[in-house]
Amino acid sequence: MYKIRDRKFIGIKIKTRRKDLSLSQERLAEEIGITYQQVQRYEKGTSNLNTDRLQAIANILDVPITYFFEEQAGSKIMVMERENPYFSPQERQLVENLRKIENTECRDCMLTLVKHVAGKK
């Protein structure tokens, strides 16, 4: 059996992929044949998943089962998701796109802009 930390990581991966597909907890639960409350428990990492159930979820989310155990090497986004499972899609997009800017000066300018806009009420 895997550790609680692993359950939480797998839960975050389920939630992230489900949201990326714009799939509700209710719809995912319906596809699997469980309650949406059970999906919530899986996503929070408070309930164990057996391999059959995890495979069913992987099939519905159109990912290989290994997706739930993979962590992208050096991915700060995955670290942020594990620390805050409620990392919004917009926040993820902001970080992902900011990291794509190769020019350091441009990246710093964008960060300054975001800080400035965030400071405005």
C-alpha atoms as a PDB file:
ATOM      1  CA  MET A   1       0.000   0.000   0.000  1.00  0.00           C
ATOM      2  CA  TYR A   2       1.219   3.521  -0.670  1.00  0.00           C
ATOM      3  CA  LYS A   3       1.706   6.297   1.878  1.00  0.00           C
ATOM      4  CA  ILE A   4      -0.818   9.024   2.678  1.00  0.00           C
ATOM      5  CA  ARG A   5       1.463  11.530   0.949  1.00  0.00           C
ATOM      6  CA  ASP A   6       1.234   9.377  -2.188  1.00  0.00           C
ATOM      7  CA  ARG A   7      -2.573   9.227  -1.928  1.00  0.00           C
ATOM      8  CA  LYS A   8      -2.671  13.017  -1.808  1.00  0.00           C
ATOM      9  CA  PHE A   9      -0.342  13.282  -4.796  1.00  0.00           C
ATOM     10  CA  ILE A  10      -2.485  10.841  -6.795  1.00  0.00           C
ATOM     11  CA  GLY A  11      -5.601  12.749  -5.731  1.00  0.00           C
ATOM     12  CA  ILE A  12      -4.124  16.011  -6.964  1.00  0.00           C
ATOM     13  CA  LYS A  13      -3.277  14.371 -10.282  1.00  0.00           C
ATOM     14  CA  ILE A  14      -6.853  13.069 -10.607  1.00  0.00           C
ATOM     15  CA  LYS A  15      -8.326  16.473  -9.793  1.00  0.00           C
ATOM     16  CA  THR A  16      -5.954  18.350 -12.103  1.00  0.00           C
ATOM     17  CA  ARG A  17      -6.640  16.069 -15.076  1.00  0.00           C
ATOM     18  CA  ARG A  18     -10.398  16.050 -14.388  1.00  0.00           C
ATOM     19  CA  LYS A  19     -10.455  19.849 -14.372  1.00  0.00           C
ATOM     20  CA  ASP A  20      -8.287  20.043 -17.489  1.00  0.00           C
ATOM     21  CA  LEU A  21     -10.982  17.990 -19.230  1.00  0.00           C
ATOM     22  CA  SER A  22     -13.752  20.189 -17.737  1.00  0.00           C
ATOM     23  CA  LEU A  23     -15.231  17.082 -16.143  1.00  0.00           C
ATOM     24  CA  SER A  24     -17.277  17.466 -12.960  1.00  0.00           C
ATOM     25  CA  GLN A  25     -16.851  15.207  -9.957  1.00  0.00           C
ATOM     26  CA  GLU A  26     -20.422  14.076 -10.510  1.00  0.00           C
ATOM     27  CA  ARG A  27     -19.757  13.071 -14.114  1.00  0.00           C
ATOM     28  CA  LEU A  28     -16.548  11.240 -13.230  1.00  0.00           C
ATOM     29  CA  ALA A  29     -18.354   9.411 -10.423  1.00  0.00           C
ATOM     30  CA  GLU A  30     -21.192   8.470 -12.757  1.00  0.00           C
ATOM     31  CA  GLU A  31     -18.742   7.073 -15.328  1.00  0.00           C
ATOM     32  CA  ILE A  32     -17.038   4.941 -12.673  1.00  0.00           C
ATOM     33  CA  GLY A  33     -20.228   3.927 -10.895  1.00  0.00           C
ATOM     34  CA  ILE A  34     -19.476   5.521  -7.515  1.00  0.00           C
ATOM     35  CA  THR A  35     -20.712   8.563  -5.603  1.00  0.00           C
ATOM     36  CA  TYR A  36     -19.255  12.011  -6.152  1.00  0.00           C
ATOM     37  CA  GLN A  37     -18.409  12.028  -2.432  1.00  0.00           C
ATOM     38  CA  GLN A  38     -16.080   9.089  -3.066  1.00  0.00           C
ATOM     39  CA  VAL A  39     -14.427  11.036  -5.892  1.00  0.00           C
ATOM     40  CA  GLN A  40     -13.941  13.905  -3.425  1.00  0.00           C
ATOM     41  CA  ARG A  41     -12.269  11.520  -0.967  1.00  0.00           C
ATOM     42  CA  TYR A  42      -9.954  10.218  -3.698  1.00  0.00           C
ATOM     43  CA  GLU A  43      -9.035  13.755  -4.748  1.00  0.00           C
ATOM     44  CA  LYS A  44      -8.328  14.807  -1.156  1.00  0.00           C
ATOM     45  CA  GLY A  45      -6.262  11.686  -0.586  1.00  0.00           C
ATOM     46  CA  THR A  46      -8.379  10.539   2.335  1.00  0.00           C
ATOM     47  CA  SER A  47      -9.460   7.273   0.723  1.00  0.00           C
ATOM     48  CA  ASN A  48      -7.373   4.448  -0.733  1.00  0.00           C
ATOM     49  CA  LEU A  49      -7.723   3.503  -4.379  1.00  0.00           C
ATOM     50  CA  ASN A  50      -7.335  -0.057  -5.575  1.00  0.00           C
ATOM     51  CA  THR A  51      -5.684  -0.677  -8.921  1.00  0.00           C
ATOM     52  CA  ASP A  52      -8.938  -1.547 -10.683  1.00  0.00           C
ATOM     53  CA  ARG A  53     -10.540   1.720  -9.627  1.00  0.00           C
ATOM     54  CA  LEU A  54      -7.435   3.728 -10.512  1.00  0.00           C
ATOM     55  CA  GLN A  55      -7.349   2.054 -13.942  1.00  0.00           C
ATOM     56  CA  ALA A  56     -11.017   2.951 -14.470  1.00  0.00           C
ATOM     57  CA  ILE A  57     -10.266   6.569 -13.587  1.00  0.00           C
ATOM     58  CA  ALA A  58      -7.235   6.559 -15.905  1.00  0.00           C
ATOM     59  CA  ASN A  59      -9.400   5.245 -18.755  1.00  0.00           C
ATOM     60  CA  ILE A  60     -12.023   7.942 -18.250  1.00  0.00           C
ATOM     61  CA  LEU A  61      -9.397  10.685 -17.938  1.00  0.00           C
ATOM     62  CA  ASP A  62      -7.625   9.280 -21.014  1.00  0.00           C
ATOM     63  CA  VAL A  63      -4.218   8.873 -19.372  1.00  0.00           C
ATOM     64  CA  PRO A  64      -2.028   5.841 -18.690  1.00  0.00           C
ATOM     65  CA  ILE A  65      -2.164   4.622 -15.101  1.00  0.00           C
ATOM     66  CA  THR A  66       1.485   5.637 -14.722  1.00  0.00           C
ATOM     67  CA  TYR A  67       0.368   9.284 -15.070  1.00  0.00           C
ATOM     68  CA  PHE A  68      -0.763   9.204 -11.430  1.00  0.00           C
ATOM     69  CA  PHE A  69       2.705   8.277 -10.186  1.00  0.00           C
ATOM     70  CA  GLU A  70       4.846  10.471 -12.422  1.00  0.00           C
ATOM     71  CA  GLU A  71       6.299  13.713 -11.251  1.00  0.00           C
ATOM     72  CA  GLN A  72       7.942  15.854 -13.865  1.00  0.00           C
ATOM     73  CA  ALA A  73      11.565  16.263 -12.872  1.00  0.00           C
ATOM     74  CA  GLY A  74      12.176  19.732 -11.490  1.00  0.00           C
ATOM     75  CA  SER A  75       8.591  20.799 -12.021  1.00  0.00           C
ATOM     76  CA  LYS A  76       7.847  23.658  -9.672  1.00  0.00           C
ATOM     77  CA  ILE A  77       4.214  23.502 -10.751  1.00  0.00           C
ATOM     78  CA  MET A  78       3.847  19.976  -9.380  1.00  0.00           C
ATOM     79  CA  VAL A  79       5.413  21.099  -6.110  1.00  0.00           C
ATOM     80  CA  MET A  80       2.967  24.016  -5.941  1.00  0.00           C
ATOM     81  CA  GLU A  81       0.038  21.692  -6.693  1.00  0.00           C
ATOM     82  CA  ARG A  82       1.088  19.332  -3.923  1.00  0.00           C
ATOM     83  CA  GLU A  83       1.437  22.211  -1.480  1.00  0.00           C
ATOM     84  CA  ASN A  84      -1.861  23.743  -2.595  1.00  0.00           C
ATOM     85  CA  PRO A  85      -4.256  21.315  -4.265  1.00  0.00           C
ATOM     86  CA  TYR A  86      -6.566  24.223  -5.040  1.00  0.00           C
ATOM     87  CA  PHE A  87      -4.064  25.822  -7.416  1.00  0.00           C
ATOM     88  CA  SER A  88      -6.431  27.354  -9.978  1.00  0.00           C
ATOM     89  CA  PRO A  89      -6.146  26.718 -13.729  1.00  0.00           C
ATOM     90  CA  GLN A  90      -5.400  30.429 -14.230  1.00  0.00           C
ATOM     91  CA  GLU A  91      -2.567  30.329 -11.708  1.00  0.00           C
ATOM     92  CA  ARG A  92      -1.158  27.228 -13.381  1.00  0.00           C
ATOM     93  CA  GLN A  93      -1.371  28.893 -16.801  1.00  0.00           C
ATOM     94  CA  LEU A  94       0.332  32.022 -15.506  1.00  0.00           C
ATOM     95  CA  VAL A  95       3.252  30.074 -14.076  1.00  0.00           C
ATOM     96  CA  GLU A  96       3.537  27.763 -17.092  1.00  0.00           C
ATOM     97  CA  ASN A  97       3.591  30.669 -19.541  1.00  0.00           C
ATOM     98  CA  LEU A  98       5.922  32.775 -17.429  1.00  0.00           C
ATOM     99  CA  ARG A  99       8.390  29.875 -17.409  1.00  0.00           C
ATOM    100  CA  LYS A 100       8.257  29.705 -21.223  1.00  0.00           C
ATOM    101  CA  ILE A 101       9.673  33.227 -21.560  1.00  0.00           C
ATOM    102  CA  GLU A 102      13.340  32.597 -22.275  1.00  0.00           C
ATOM    103  CA  ASN A 103      14.495  36.216 -22.095  1.00  0.00           C
ATOM    104  CA  THR A 104      15.254  36.885 -18.425  1.00  0.00           C
ATOM    105  CA  GLU A 105      14.633  40.632 -18.738  1.00  0.00           C
ATOM    106  CA  CYS A 106      11.223  40.072 -20.327  1.00  0.00           C
ATOM    107  CA  ARG A 107      10.314  37.525 -17.648  1.00  0.00           C
ATOM    108  CA  ASP A 108      11.331  39.972 -14.918  1.00  0.00           C
ATOM    109  CA  CYS A 109       9.258  42.721 -16.569  1.00  0.00           C
ATOM    110  CA  MET A 110       6.210  40.456 -16.679  1.00  0.00           C
ATOM    111  CA  LEU A 111       6.663  39.612 -13.021  1.00  0.00           C
ATOM    112  CA  THR A 112       6.929  43.306 -12.184  1.00  0.00           C
ATOM    113  CA  LEU A 113       3.756  43.985 -14.190  1.00  0.00           C
ATOM    114  CA  VAL A 114       1.833  41.260 -12.369  1.00  0.00           C
ATOM    115  CA  LYS A 115       3.015  42.540  -8.993  1.00  0.00           C
ATOM    116  CA  HIS A 116       2.015  46.092  -9.964  1.00  0.00           C
ATOM    117  CA  VAL A 117      -1.455  45.054 -11.175  1.00  0.00           C
ATOM    118  CA  ALA A 118      -1.955  42.882  -8.069  1.00  0.00           C
ATOM    119  CA  GLY A 119      -1.154  45.874  -5.865  1.00  0.00           C
ATOM    120  CA  LYS A 120      -3.946  47.928  -7.452  1.00  0.00           C
ATOM    121  CA  LYS A 121      -7.304  47.679  -5.740  1.00  0.00           C
END
